[in-house]
PDB file of N, CA and C in Angstrom:
ATOM      1  N   MET A   1     -30.606 142.340  31.064  1.00  0.00           N
ATOM      2  CA  MET A   1     -31.474 143.322  31.180  1.00  0.00           C
ATOM      3  C   MET A   1     -31.969 142.951  32.583  1.00  0.00           C
ATOM      4  N   LYS A   2     -31.890 143.962  33.316  1.00  0.00           N
ATOM      5  CA  LYS A   2     -32.661 143.531  34.895  1.00  0.00           C
ATOM      6  C   LYS A   2     -34.131 143.846  34.879  1.00  0.00           C
ATOM      7  N   THR A   3     -34.423 142.725  35.766  1.00  0.00           N
ATOM      8  CA  THR A   3     -35.923 142.646  35.992  1.00  0.00           C
ATOM      9  C   THR A   3     -36.832 143.975  35.897  1.00  0.00           C
ATOM     10  N   ASN A   4     -36.076 145.110  36.837  1.00  0.00           N
ATOM     11  CA  ASN A   4     -36.708 146.286  37.147  1.00  0.00           C
ATOM     12  C   ASN A   4     -36.960 146.885  35.469  1.00  0.00           C
ATOM     13  N   THR A   5     -36.058 147.041  34.769  1.00  0.00           N
ATOM     14  CA  THR A   5     -35.660 147.390  33.182  1.00  0.00           C
ATOM     15  C   THR A   5     -36.920 146.683  32.603  1.00  0.00           C
ATOM     16  N   ARG A   6     -37.017 145.688  32.555  1.00  0.00           N
ATOM     17  CA  ARG A   6     -37.812 144.418  32.004  1.00  0.00           C
ATOM     18  C   ARG A   6     -39.544 145.096  32.082  1.00  0.00           C
ATOM     19  N   ASN A   7     -39.751 145.029  33.487  1.00  0.00           N
ATOM     20  CA  ASN A   7     -40.941 145.398  33.879  1.00  0.00           C
ATOM     21  C   ASN A   7     -41.614 146.737  33.703  1.00  0.00           C
ATOM     22  N   ILE A   8     -40.603 147.501  33.586  1.00  0.00           N
ATOM     23  CA  ILE A   8     -40.770 149.122  32.985  1.00  0.00           C
ATOM     24  C   ILE A   8     -41.109 148.831  31.541  1.00  0.00           C
ATOM     25  N   PHE A   9     -40.512 148.267  30.413  1.00  0.00           N
ATOM     26  CA  PHE A   9     -40.418 148.007  29.279  1.00  0.00           C
ATOM     27  C   PHE A   9     -41.743 147.365  28.963  1.00  0.00           C
ATOM     28  N   ILE A  10     -42.440 146.533  29.835  1.00  0.00           N
ATOM     29  CA  ILE A  10     -43.692 145.782  29.852  1.00  0.00           C
ATOM     30  C   ILE A  10     -44.572 146.948  29.829  1.00  0.00           C
ATOM     31  N   ALA A  11     -44.523 147.489  31.285  1.00  0.00           N
ATOM     32  CA  ALA A  11     -45.686 148.532  31.537  1.00  0.00           C
ATOM     33  C   ALA A  11     -45.769 149.450  30.534  1.00  0.00           C
ATOM     34  N   ILE A  12     -44.755 150.077  29.828  1.00  0.00           N
ATOM     35  CA  ILE A  12     -44.921 151.029  28.844  1.00  0.00           C
ATOM     36  C   ILE A  12     -45.480 150.303  27.768  1.00  0.00           C
ATOM     37  N   ALA A  13     -45.306 148.965  27.263  1.00  0.00           N
ATOM     38  CA  ALA A  13     -46.013 148.584  26.290  1.00  0.00           C
ATOM     39  C   ALA A  13     -47.641 148.377  26.287  1.00  0.00           C
ATOM     40  N   ILE A  14     -47.463 148.026  27.589  1.00  0.00           N
ATOM     41  CA  ILE A  14     -49.074 147.593  27.961  1.00  0.00           C
ATOM     42  C   ILE A  14     -49.808 148.968  28.022  1.00  0.00           C
ATOM     43  N   ILE A  15     -49.346 150.463  28.348  1.00  0.00           N
ATOM     44  CA  ILE A  15     -50.020 151.391  28.196  1.00  0.00           C
ATOM     45  C   ILE A  15     -50.251 151.663  27.071  1.00  0.00           C
ATOM     46  N   PHE A  16     -49.243 151.922  25.992  1.00  0.00           N
ATOM     47  CA  PHE A  16     -49.203 152.076  24.643  1.00  0.00           C
ATOM     48  C   PHE A  16     -50.488 151.260  23.624  1.00  0.00           C
ATOM     49  N   SER A  17     -50.543 149.930  24.239  1.00  0.00           N
ATOM     50  CA  SER A  17     -51.328 148.989  23.876  1.00  0.00           C
ATOM     51  C   SER A  17     -52.672 149.552  24.360  1.00  0.00           C
ATOM     52  N   LEU A  18     -53.103 149.845  25.441  1.00  0.00           N
ATOM     53  CA  LEU A  18     -54.235 150.231  25.857  1.00  0.00           C
ATOM     54  C   LEU A  18     -54.656 151.579  25.358  1.00  0.00           C
ATOM     55  N   LEU A  19     -53.814 152.527  24.812  1.00  0.00           N
ATOM     56  CA  LEU A  19     -53.765 153.541  24.186  1.00  0.00           C
ATOM     57  C   LEU A  19     -54.391 153.669  22.605  1.00  0.00           C
ATOM     58  N   LEU A  20     -53.704 152.724  21.989  1.00  0.00           N
ATOM     59  CA  LEU A  20     -54.135 152.339  20.715  1.00  0.00           C
ATOM     60  C   LEU A  20     -55.472 151.769  20.649  1.00  0.00           C
ATOM     61  N   ILE A  21     -55.506 150.887  21.575  1.00  0.00           N
ATOM     62  CA  ILE A  21     -57.067 150.037  21.668  1.00  0.00           C
ATOM     63  C   ILE A  21     -58.226 151.321  21.835  1.00  0.00           C
ATOM     64  N   SER A  22     -58.219 152.360  22.493  1.00  0.00           N
ATOM     65  CA  SER A  22     -58.972 153.172  23.143  1.00  0.00           C
ATOM     66  C   SER A  22     -59.131 154.106  21.795  1.00  0.00           C
ATOM     67  N   PHE A  23     -58.046 154.262  21.230  1.00  0.00           N
ATOM     68  CA  PHE A  23     -58.063 155.153  19.595  1.00  0.00           C
ATOM     69  C   PHE A  23     -59.068 154.406  18.832  1.00  0.00           C
ATOM     70  N   PHE A  24     -59.042 152.881  18.979  1.00  0.00           N
ATOM     71  CA  PHE A  24     -59.801 152.226  17.687  1.00  0.00           C
ATOM     72  C   PHE A  24     -61.183 152.133  18.207  1.00  0.00           C
ATOM     73  N   SER A  25     -61.410 152.516  19.575  1.00  0.00           N
ATOM     74  CA  SER A  25     -63.003 152.255  19.950  1.00  0.00           C
ATOM     75  C   SER A  25     -63.766 153.542  19.882  1.00  0.00           C
ATOM     76  N   MET A  26     -62.904 154.687  19.572  1.00  0.00           N
ATOM     77  CA  MET A  26     -63.619 155.860  19.299  1.00  0.00           C
ATOM     78  C   MET A  26     -64.165 155.872  17.661  1.00  0.00           C
ATOM     79  N   ASP A  27     -65.619 156.351  17.776  1.00  0.00           N
ATOM     80  CA  ASP A  27     -66.183 156.299  16.192  1.00  0.00           C
ATOM     81  C   ASP A  27     -65.593 157.753  16.023  1.00  0.00           C
ATOM     82  N   PRO A  28     -64.901 157.540  14.305  1.00  0.00           N
ATOM     83  CA  PRO A  28     -64.297 158.846  13.870  1.00  0.00           C
ATOM     84  C   PRO A  28     -65.272 160.007  13.483  1.00  0.00           C
ATOM     85  N   ALA A  29     -66.589 159.722  13.855  1.00  0.00           N
ATOM     86  CA  ALA A  29     -67.460 161.302  13.686  1.00  0.00           C
ATOM     87  C   ALA A  29     -67.154 161.803  15.154  1.00  0.00           C
ATOM     88  N   HIS A  30     -66.760 161.318  15.872  1.00  0.00           N
ATOM     89  CA  HIS A  30     -66.709 161.911  17.457  1.00  0.00           C
ATOM     90  C   HIS A  30     -65.304 162.534  17.637  1.00  0.00           C
ATOM     91  N   ILE A  31     -64.512 162.253  16.514  1.00  0.00           N
ATOM     92  CA  ILE A  31     -63.369 163.100  16.710  1.00  0.00           C
ATOM     93  C   ILE A  31     -63.351 164.272  15.955  1.00  0.00           C
ATOM     94  N   VAL A  32     -63.414 165.304  16.649  1.00  0.00           N
ATOM     95  CA  VAL A  32     -63.323 166.786  15.933  1.00  0.00           C
ATOM     96  C   VAL A  32     -62.100 167.499  16.435  1.00  0.00           C
ATOM     97  N   ILE A  33     -61.465 168.040  15.316  1.00  0.00           N
ATOM     98  CA  ILE A  33     -60.367 168.915  15.649  1.00  0.00           C
ATOM     99  C   ILE A  33     -60.320 170.423  14.754  1.00  0.00           C
ATOM    100  N   ASP A  34     -60.465 171.398  15.519  1.00  0.00           N
ATOM    101  CA  ASP A  34     -60.773 172.862  15.014  1.00  0.00           C
ATOM    102  C   ASP A  34     -62.032 172.650  14.346  1.00  0.00           C
ATOM    103  N   GLY A  35     -63.183 172.170  14.620  1.00  0.00           N
ATOM    104  CA  GLY A  35     -64.285 171.991  14.099  1.00  0.00           C
ATOM    105  C   GLY A  35     -64.590 171.214  12.874  1.00  0.00           C
ATOM    106  N   GLU A  36     -63.425 170.262  12.584  1.00  0.00           N
ATOM    107  CA  GLU A  36     -63.754 169.462  11.328  1.00  0.00           C
ATOM    108  C   GLU A  36     -63.352 168.323  11.847  1.00  0.00           C
ATOM    109  N   GLU A  37     -64.292 167.393  11.286  1.00  0.00           N
ATOM    110  CA  GLU A  37     -64.335 165.769  11.645  1.00  0.00           C
ATOM    111  C   GLU A  37     -63.201 165.146  11.184  1.00  0.00           C
ATOM    112  N   ILE A  38     -62.483 164.806  11.696  1.00  0.00           N
ATOM    113  CA  ILE A  38     -61.372 163.309  11.198  1.00  0.00           C
ATOM    114  C   ILE A  38     -61.862 162.385  11.078  1.00  0.00           C
ATOM    115  N   GLY A  39     -61.748 161.704   9.633  1.00  0.00           N
ATOM    116  CA  GLY A  39     -61.953 160.503   9.237  1.00  0.00           C
ATOM    117  C   GLY A  39     -61.011 159.444   9.412  1.00  0.00           C
ATOM    118  N   ASP A  40     -59.553 159.576   8.920  1.00  0.00           N
ATOM    119  CA  ASP A  40     -58.548 158.658   8.817  1.00  0.00           C
ATOM    120  C   ASP A  40     -57.571 159.179  10.093  1.00  0.00           C
ATOM    121  N   ILE A  41     -56.753 158.028  10.008  1.00  0.00           N
ATOM    122  CA  ILE A  41     -56.108 158.125  11.403  1.00  0.00           C
ATOM    123  C   ILE A  41     -54.522 158.480  10.817  1.00  0.00           C
ATOM    124  N   GLY A  42     -53.997 159.717  11.262  1.00  0.00           N
ATOM    125  CA  GLY A  42     -53.037 160.535  10.719  1.00  0.00           C
ATOM    126  C   GLY A  42     -52.217 161.165  11.684  1.00  0.00           C
ATOM    127  N   GLY A  43     -51.137 161.769  11.791  1.00  0.00           N
ATOM    128  CA  GLY A  43     -50.394 162.423  12.553  1.00  0.00           C
ATOM    129  C   GLY A  43     -49.814 161.400  13.797  1.00  0.00           C
ATOM    130  N   PHE A  44     -49.679 161.951  14.783  1.00  0.00           N
ATOM    131  CA  PHE A  44     -49.256 161.331  15.987  1.00  0.00           C
ATOM    132  C   PHE A  44     -50.020 159.866  15.927  1.00  0.00           C
ATOM    133  N   THR A  45     -51.118 159.540  15.960  1.00  0.00           N
ATOM    134  CA  THR A  45     -51.764 158.452  16.203  1.00  0.00           C
ATOM    135  C   THR A  45     -51.242 157.624  15.008  1.00  0.00           C
ATOM    136  N   GLY A  46     -51.254 157.838  13.861  1.00  0.00           N
ATOM    137  CA  GLY A  46     -50.860 157.359  12.686  1.00  0.00           C
ATOM    138  C   GLY A  46     -49.361 156.940  12.543  1.00  0.00           C
ATOM    139  N   PHE A  47     -48.430 157.698  13.261  1.00  0.00           N
ATOM    140  CA  PHE A  47     -47.168 157.377  13.912  1.00  0.00           C
ATOM    141  C   PHE A  47     -46.965 156.498  14.794  1.00  0.00           C
ATOM    142  N   VAL A  48     -47.702 156.463  15.516  1.00  0.00           N
ATOM    143  CA  VAL A  48     -47.713 155.353  16.908  1.00  0.00           C
ATOM    144  C   VAL A  48     -48.195 154.385  16.287  1.00  0.00           C
ATOM    145  N   MET A  49     -49.109 154.095  15.685  1.00  0.00           N
ATOM    146  CA  MET A  49     -49.543 152.642  14.834  1.00  0.00           C
ATOM    147  C   MET A  49     -48.611 152.035  13.997  1.00  0.00           C
ATOM    148  N   ALA A  50     -48.149 153.061  13.295  1.00  0.00           N
ATOM    149  CA  ALA A  50     -46.867 152.923  12.167  1.00  0.00           C
ATOM    150  C   ALA A  50     -45.906 151.789  13.181  1.00  0.00           C
ATOM    151  N   CYS A  51     -45.331 152.593  14.064  1.00  0.00           N
ATOM    152  CA  CYS A  51     -44.428 152.337  15.066  1.00  0.00           C
ATOM    153  C   CYS A  51     -44.637 150.974  15.748  1.00  0.00           C
ATOM    154  N   LEU A  52     -45.687 150.749  16.061  1.00  0.00           N
ATOM    155  CA  LEU A  52     -45.999 149.558  16.767  1.00  0.00           C
ATOM    156  C   LEU A  52     -46.504 148.358  15.698  1.00  0.00           C
ATOM    157  N   ILE A  53     -46.866 148.730  14.437  1.00  0.00           N
ATOM    158  CA  ILE A  53     -46.740 147.489  13.256  1.00  0.00           C
ATOM    159  C   ILE A  53     -45.526 147.502  12.910  1.00  0.00           C
ATOM    160  N   GLY A  54     -44.525 148.276  13.041  1.00  0.00           N
ATOM    161  CA  GLY A  54     -43.137 147.824  12.652  1.00  0.00           C
ATOM    162  C   GLY A  54     -42.421 146.733  13.754  1.00  0.00           C
ATOM    163  N   PHE A  55     -42.715 147.247  14.801  1.00  0.00           N
ATOM    164  CA  PHE A  55     -42.153 146.467  16.143  1.00  0.00           C
ATOM    165  C   PHE A  55     -42.785 145.240  16.132  1.00  0.00           C
ATOM    166  N   VAL A  56     -43.890 145.103  15.684  1.00  0.00           N
ATOM    167  CA  VAL A  56     -44.604 143.747  15.800  1.00  0.00           C
ATOM    168  C   VAL A  56     -44.147 142.826  14.560  1.00  0.00           C
ATOM    169  N   ALA A  57     -43.794 143.548  13.398  1.00  0.00           N
ATOM    170  CA  ALA A  57     -43.335 142.773  12.237  1.00  0.00           C
ATOM    171  C   ALA A  57     -41.743 142.433  12.578  1.00  0.00           C
ATOM    172  N   LEU A  58     -41.053 143.386  12.983  1.00  0.00           N
ATOM    173  CA  LEU A  58     -39.873 143.372  13.247  1.00  0.00           C
ATOM    174  C   LEU A  58     -39.250 142.139  14.195  1.00  0.00           C
ATOM    175  N   PHE A  59     -40.305 141.727  15.481  1.00  0.00           N
ATOM    176  CA  PHE A  59     -40.285 141.091  16.549  1.00  0.00           C
ATOM    177  C   PHE A  59     -40.619 139.397  15.904  1.00  0.00           C
ATOM    178  N   PHE A  60     -41.726 139.436  15.021  1.00  0.00           N
ATOM    179  CA  PHE A  60     -42.068 137.956  14.170  1.00  0.00           C
ATOM    180  C   PHE A  60     -40.901 137.809  13.228  1.00  0.00           C
ATOM    181  N   ALA A  61     -40.496 138.641  12.433  1.00  0.00           N
ATOM    182  CA  ALA A  61     -39.270 138.451  11.562  1.00  0.00           C
ATOM    183  C   ALA A  61     -38.372 137.584  12.197  1.00  0.00           C
ATOM    184  N   LEU A  62     -37.890 138.486  13.621  1.00  0.00           N
ATOM    185  CA  LEU A  62     -36.558 138.053  13.936  1.00  0.00           C
ATOM    186  C   LEU A  62     -37.190 136.635  14.869  1.00  0.00           C
ATOM    187  N   SER A  63     -38.000 136.346  15.219  1.00  0.00           N
ATOM    188  CA  SER A  63     -38.668 135.284  15.862  1.00  0.00           C
ATOM    189  C   SER A  63     -38.543 134.296  14.909  1.00  0.00           C
ATOM    190  N   VAL A  64     -39.159 134.168  13.475  1.00  0.00           N
ATOM    191  CA  VAL A  64     -39.314 133.283  12.730  1.00  0.00           C
ATOM    192  C   VAL A  64     -37.867 132.898  11.922  1.00  0.00           C
ATOM    193  N   THR A  65     -37.046 134.112  11.973  1.00  0.00           N
ATOM    194  CA  THR A  65     -35.439 133.708  11.388  1.00  0.00           C
ATOM    195  C   THR A  65     -35.022 133.105  12.657  1.00  0.00           C
ATOM    196  N   GLY A  66     -34.761 133.424  13.863  1.00  0.00           N
ATOM    197  CA  GLY A  66     -34.153 132.466  15.060  1.00  0.00           C
ATOM    198  C   GLY A  66     -34.641 131.157  14.871  1.00  0.00           C
ATOM    199  N   LEU A  67     -35.955 130.916  14.582  1.00  0.00           N
ATOM    200  CA  LEU A  67     -36.187 129.428  14.606  1.00  0.00           C
ATOM    201  C   LEU A  67     -36.008 128.569  13.655  1.00  0.00           C
ATOM    202  N   VAL A  68     -35.748 129.235  12.442  1.00  0.00           N
ATOM    203  CA  VAL A  68     -35.289 128.774  10.869  1.00  0.00           C
ATOM    204  C   VAL A  68     -33.656 128.320  11.376  1.00  0.00           C
ATOM    205  N   LEU A  69     -33.181 129.363  11.762  1.00  0.00           N
ATOM    206  CA  LEU A  69     -31.585 128.933  11.810  1.00  0.00           C
ATOM    207  C   LEU A  69     -31.523 128.045  12.831  1.00  0.00           C
ATOM    208  N   ALA A  70     -32.373 127.783  14.210  1.00  0.00           N
ATOM    209  CA  ALA A  70     -32.192 126.645  15.177  1.00  0.00           C
ATOM    210  C   ALA A  70     -32.424 125.666  14.683  1.00  0.00           C
ATOM    211  N   MET A  71     -33.655 125.404  13.639  1.00  0.00           N
ATOM    212  CA  MET A  71     -33.588 124.213  12.960  1.00  0.00           C
ATOM    213  C   MET A  71     -32.667 123.820  11.914  1.00  0.00           C
ATOM    214  N   VAL A  72     -32.213 124.500  11.270  1.00  0.00           N
ATOM    215  CA  VAL A  72     -31.006 124.026  10.484  1.00  0.00           C
ATOM    216  C   VAL A  72     -29.671 123.820  11.422  1.00  0.00           C
ATOM    217  N   ALA A  73     -29.523 124.604  12.447  1.00  0.00           N
ATOM    218  CA  ALA A  73     -28.333 123.831  13.337  1.00  0.00           C
ATOM    219  C   ALA A  73     -28.650 122.343  14.020  1.00  0.00           C
ATOM    220  N   VAL A  74     -29.939 122.192  14.392  1.00  0.00           N
ATOM    221  CA  VAL A  74     -30.184 120.945  14.866  1.00  0.00           C
ATOM    222  C   VAL A  74     -30.026 120.069  13.522  1.00  0.00           C
ATOM    223  N   VAL A  75     -30.499 120.082  12.134  1.00  0.00           N
ATOM    224  CA  VAL A  75     -30.412 119.455  10.988  1.00  0.00           C
ATOM    225  C   VAL A  75     -28.819 119.314  10.794  1.00  0.00           C
ATOM    226  N   LEU A  76     -27.925 120.359  10.999  1.00  0.00           N
ATOM    227  CA  LEU A  76     -26.247 119.919  10.636  1.00  0.00           C
ATOM    228  C   LEU A  76     -25.761 119.278  11.648  1.00  0.00           C
ATOM    229  N   VAL A  77     -26.335 119.362  12.958  1.00  0.00           N
ATOM    230  CA  VAL A  77     -25.592 118.544  14.228  1.00  0.00           C
ATOM    231  C   VAL A  77     -26.173 116.852  13.773  1.00  0.00           C
ATOM    232  N   VAL A  78     -27.307 116.799  13.573  1.00  0.00           N
ATOM    233  CA  VAL A  78     -27.907 115.315  12.797  1.00  0.00           C
ATOM    234  C   VAL A  78     -27.134 114.546  12.046  1.00  0.00           C
ATOM    235  N   VAL A  79     -26.963 115.456  11.043  1.00  0.00           N
ATOM    236  CA  VAL A  79     -26.147 114.956   9.780  1.00  0.00           C
ATOM    237  C   VAL A  79     -25.006 114.962  10.050  1.00  0.00           C
ATOM    238  N   LEU A  80     -24.381 115.899  10.761  1.00  0.00           N
ATOM    239  CA  LEU A  80     -22.650 115.417  11.337  1.00  0.00           C
ATOM    240  C   LEU A  80     -22.848 114.096  12.218  1.00  0.00           C
ATOM    241  N   GLY A  81     -23.491 114.179  12.933  1.00  0.00           N
ATOM    242  CA  GLY A  81     -23.611 112.879  13.815  1.00  0.00           C
ATOM    243  C   GLY A  81     -23.509 111.524  12.813  1.00  0.00           C
ATOM    244  N   ALA A  82     -24.455 111.635  11.860  1.00  0.00           N
ATOM    245  CA  ALA A  82     -24.558 110.617  11.201  1.00  0.00           C
ATOM    246  C   ALA A  82     -23.335 110.144  10.096  1.00  0.00           C
ATOM    247  N   VAL A  83     -22.689 111.358   9.879  1.00  0.00           N
ATOM    248  CA  VAL A  83     -21.614 111.177   9.041  1.00  0.00           C
ATOM    249  C   VAL A  83     -20.485 110.619   9.957  1.00  0.00           C
ATOM    250  N   LEU A  84     -20.354 111.111  10.990  1.00  0.00           N
ATOM    251  CA  LEU A  84     -19.371 110.540  12.037  1.00  0.00           C
ATOM    252  C   LEU A  84     -19.400 109.152  12.301  1.00  0.00           C
ATOM    253  N   GLY A  85     -20.735 108.650  12.830  1.00  0.00           N
ATOM    254  CA  GLY A  85     -21.218 107.743  13.057  1.00  0.00           C
ATOM    255  C   GLY A  85     -21.097 106.542  12.061  1.00  0.00           C
ATOM    256  N   SER A  86     -21.184 106.864  10.850  1.00  0.00           N
ATOM    257  CA  SER A  86     -20.934 105.884   9.601  1.00  0.00           C
ATOM    258  C   SER A  86     -19.656 105.760   9.442  1.00  0.00           C
ATOM    259  N   PHE A  87     -18.894 106.735   9.424  1.00  0.00           N
ATOM    260  CA  PHE A  87     -17.177 106.651   9.542  1.00  0.00           C
ATOM    261  C   PHE A  87     -16.771 105.643  10.306  1.00  0.00           C
ATOM    262  N   ALA A  88     -17.345 106.110  11.719  1.00  0.00           N
ATOM    263  CA  ALA A  88     -16.494 105.034  12.852  1.00  0.00           C
ATOM    264  C   ALA A  88     -17.375 103.732  12.502  1.00  0.00           C
ATOM    265  N   ILE A  89     -18.366 103.384  12.221  1.00  0.00           N
ATOM    266  CA  ILE A  89     -18.746 102.194  11.896  1.00  0.00           C
ATOM    267  C   ILE A  89     -18.114 101.502  10.536  1.00  0.00           C
ATOM    268  N   ALA A  90     -17.422 102.231   9.632  1.00  0.00           N
ATOM    269  CA  ALA A  90     -16.888 101.574   8.717  1.00  0.00           C
ATOM    270  C   ALA A  90     -15.567 101.369   8.695  1.00  0.00           C
ATOM    271  N   LEU A  91     -14.778 102.095   9.894  1.00  0.00           N
ATOM    272  CA  LEU A  91     -13.577 101.507  10.343  1.00  0.00           C
ATOM    273  C   LEU A  91     -13.442 100.625  11.195  1.00  0.00           C
ATOM    274  N   LEU A  92     -14.627  99.922  11.669  1.00  0.00           N
ATOM    275  CA  LEU A  92     -14.576  99.007  12.753  1.00  0.00           C
ATOM    276  C   LEU A  92     -14.025  97.733  12.333  1.00  0.00           C
ATOM    277  N   PRO A  93     -14.145  97.338  10.707  1.00  0.00           N
ATOM    278  CA  PRO A  93     -13.239  96.153  10.645  1.00  0.00           C
ATOM    279  C   PRO A  93     -11.963  96.325  10.784  1.00  0.00           C
ATOM    280  N   LEU A  94     -11.147  97.400  10.825  1.00  0.00           N
ATOM    281  CA  LEU A  94      -9.724  97.734  11.160  1.00  0.00           C
ATOM    282  C   LEU A  94      -9.180  97.511  12.688  1.00  0.00           C
ATOM    283  N   MET A  95     -10.392  97.447  13.277  1.00  0.00           N
ATOM    284  CA  MET A  95      -9.983  97.471  14.948  1.00  0.00           C
ATOM    285  C   MET A  95      -9.674  95.722  14.906  1.00  0.00           C
ATOM    286  N   ILE A  96     -10.258  95.136  14.230  1.00  0.00           N
ATOM    287  CA  ILE A  96     -10.319  93.310  14.471  1.00  0.00           C
ATOM    288  C   ILE A  96      -8.744  92.929  14.870  1.00  0.00           C
ATOM    289  N   PRO A  97      -7.805  93.637  13.984  1.00  0.00           N
ATOM    290  CA  PRO A  97      -6.262  92.975  14.475  1.00  0.00           C
ATOM    291  C   PRO A  97      -5.779  93.431  15.420  1.00  0.00           C
ATOM    292  N   PHE A  98      -6.319  94.551  16.164  1.00  0.00           N
ATOM    293  CA  PHE A  98      -5.860  95.183  17.419  1.00  0.00           C
ATOM    294  C   PHE A  98      -6.516  94.606  18.382  1.00  0.00           C
ATOM    295  N   LEU A  99      -7.961  94.463  18.195  1.00  0.00           N
ATOM    296  CA  LEU A  99      -8.688  93.428  19.264  1.00  0.00           C
ATOM    297  C   LEU A  99      -7.924  92.116  19.761  1.00  0.00           C
ATOM    298  N   ILE A 100      -7.671  91.555  18.241  1.00  0.00           N
ATOM    299  CA  ILE A 100      -6.831  90.122  18.531  1.00  0.00           C
ATOM    300  C   ILE A 100      -5.646  90.084  19.326  1.00  0.00           C
ATOM    301  N   LEU A 101      -4.865  91.212  18.888  1.00  0.00           N
ATOM    302  CA  LEU A 101      -3.663  91.098  19.723  1.00  0.00           C
ATOM    303  C   LEU A 101      -3.931  91.520  21.325  1.00  0.00           C
ATOM    304  N   TYR A 102      -5.014  92.400  21.584  1.00  0.00           N
ATOM    305  CA  TYR A 102      -5.286  92.733  22.988  1.00  0.00           C
ATOM    306  C   TYR A 102      -5.785  91.336  23.615  1.00  0.00           C
ATOM    307  N   ALA A 103      -6.724  90.629  23.255  1.00  0.00           N
ATOM    308  CA  ALA A 103      -7.053  89.598  23.664  1.00  0.00           C
ATOM    309  C   ALA A 103      -6.005  88.460  23.887  1.00  0.00           C
ATOM    310  N   LEU A 104      -5.035  88.134  23.234  1.00  0.00           N
ATOM    311  CA  LEU A 104      -3.885  87.221  23.568  1.00  0.00           C
ATOM    312  C   LEU A 104      -3.077  88.147  24.339  1.00  0.00           C
ATOM    313  N   PHE A 105      -2.786  89.289  24.485  1.00  0.00           N
ATOM    314  CA  PHE A 105      -2.115  89.966  25.526  1.00  0.00           C
ATOM    315  C   PHE A 105      -2.821  89.550  26.979  1.00  0.00           C
ATOM    316  N   SER A 106      -4.131  89.933  27.275  1.00  0.00           N
ATOM    317  CA  SER A 106      -4.726  89.702  28.021  1.00  0.00           C
ATOM    318  C   SER A 106      -4.905  88.262  28.367  1.00  0.00           C
ATOM    319  N   LEU A 107      -5.178  87.485  27.864  1.00  0.00           N
ATOM    320  CA  LEU A 107      -5.259  86.251  27.832  1.00  0.00           C
ATOM    321  C   LEU A 107      -3.979  85.367  28.573  1.00  0.00           C
ATOM    322  N   PHE A 108      -2.828  86.019  28.074  1.00  0.00           N
ATOM    323  CA  PHE A 108      -1.380  85.456  28.454  1.00  0.00           C
ATOM    324  C   PHE A 108      -0.846  86.331  29.768  1.00  0.00           C
ATOM    325  N   SER A 109      -1.500  87.203  29.951  1.00  0.00           N
ATOM    326  CA  SER A 109      -1.082  88.145  31.307  1.00  0.00           C
ATOM    327  C   SER A 109      -1.604  87.943  32.448  1.00  0.00           C
ATOM    328  N   ARG A 110      -2.462  86.965  32.376  1.00  0.00           N
ATOM    329  CA  ARG A 110      -3.438  86.835  33.525  1.00  0.00           C
ATOM    330  C   ARG A 110      -2.608  85.886  34.536  1.00  0.00           C
ATOM    331  N   LYS A 111      -2.650  86.659  35.996  1.00  0.00           N
ATOM    332  CA  LYS A 111      -1.817  86.147  37.065  1.00  0.00           C
ATOM    333  C   LYS A 111      -2.907  84.595  37.439  1.00  0.00           C
ATOM    334  N   LYS A 112      -1.947  83.716  37.814  1.00  0.00           N
ATOM    335  CA  LYS A 112      -2.665  82.529  38.218  1.00  0.00           C
ATOM    336  C   LYS A 112      -3.110  82.762  39.752  1.00  0.00           C
ATOM    337  N   THR A 113      -4.148  82.300  40.004  1.00  0.00           N
ATOM    338  CA  THR A 113      -4.516  82.445  41.384  1.00  0.00           C
ATOM    339  C   THR A 113      -4.529  81.200  41.935  1.00  0.00           C
ATOM    340  N   ALA A 114      -4.253  80.821  43.367  1.00  0.00           N
ATOM    341  CA  ALA A 114      -4.370  79.224  43.569  1.00  0.00           C
ATOM    342  C   ALA A 114      -5.724  78.829  44.134  1.00  0.00           C
TER     343      ALA A 114
END
């Protein structure tokens, strides 16, 4: 997403947030439509509030899910490292004959210096 597009989305979100805050700041007795006082929030305002609550819930659900999956991945990497490390440590005694042969080869293949 480009920076300009991101800034436009942020501006729209701020405008809608301020709009919702302004709806909550009004006393219900002052909202009069066609001579009737409106006591509950419905219609377009209710729809906007429901969308906002839904988007916030979706954002937090995806955030928490992403964090959980990231932590599971970290745990799996640690477990895999521990298993492979213990496997390597268990195989170290098998390296002793090869290390002895390499040491003998290195010992006898040294060039004599004067």
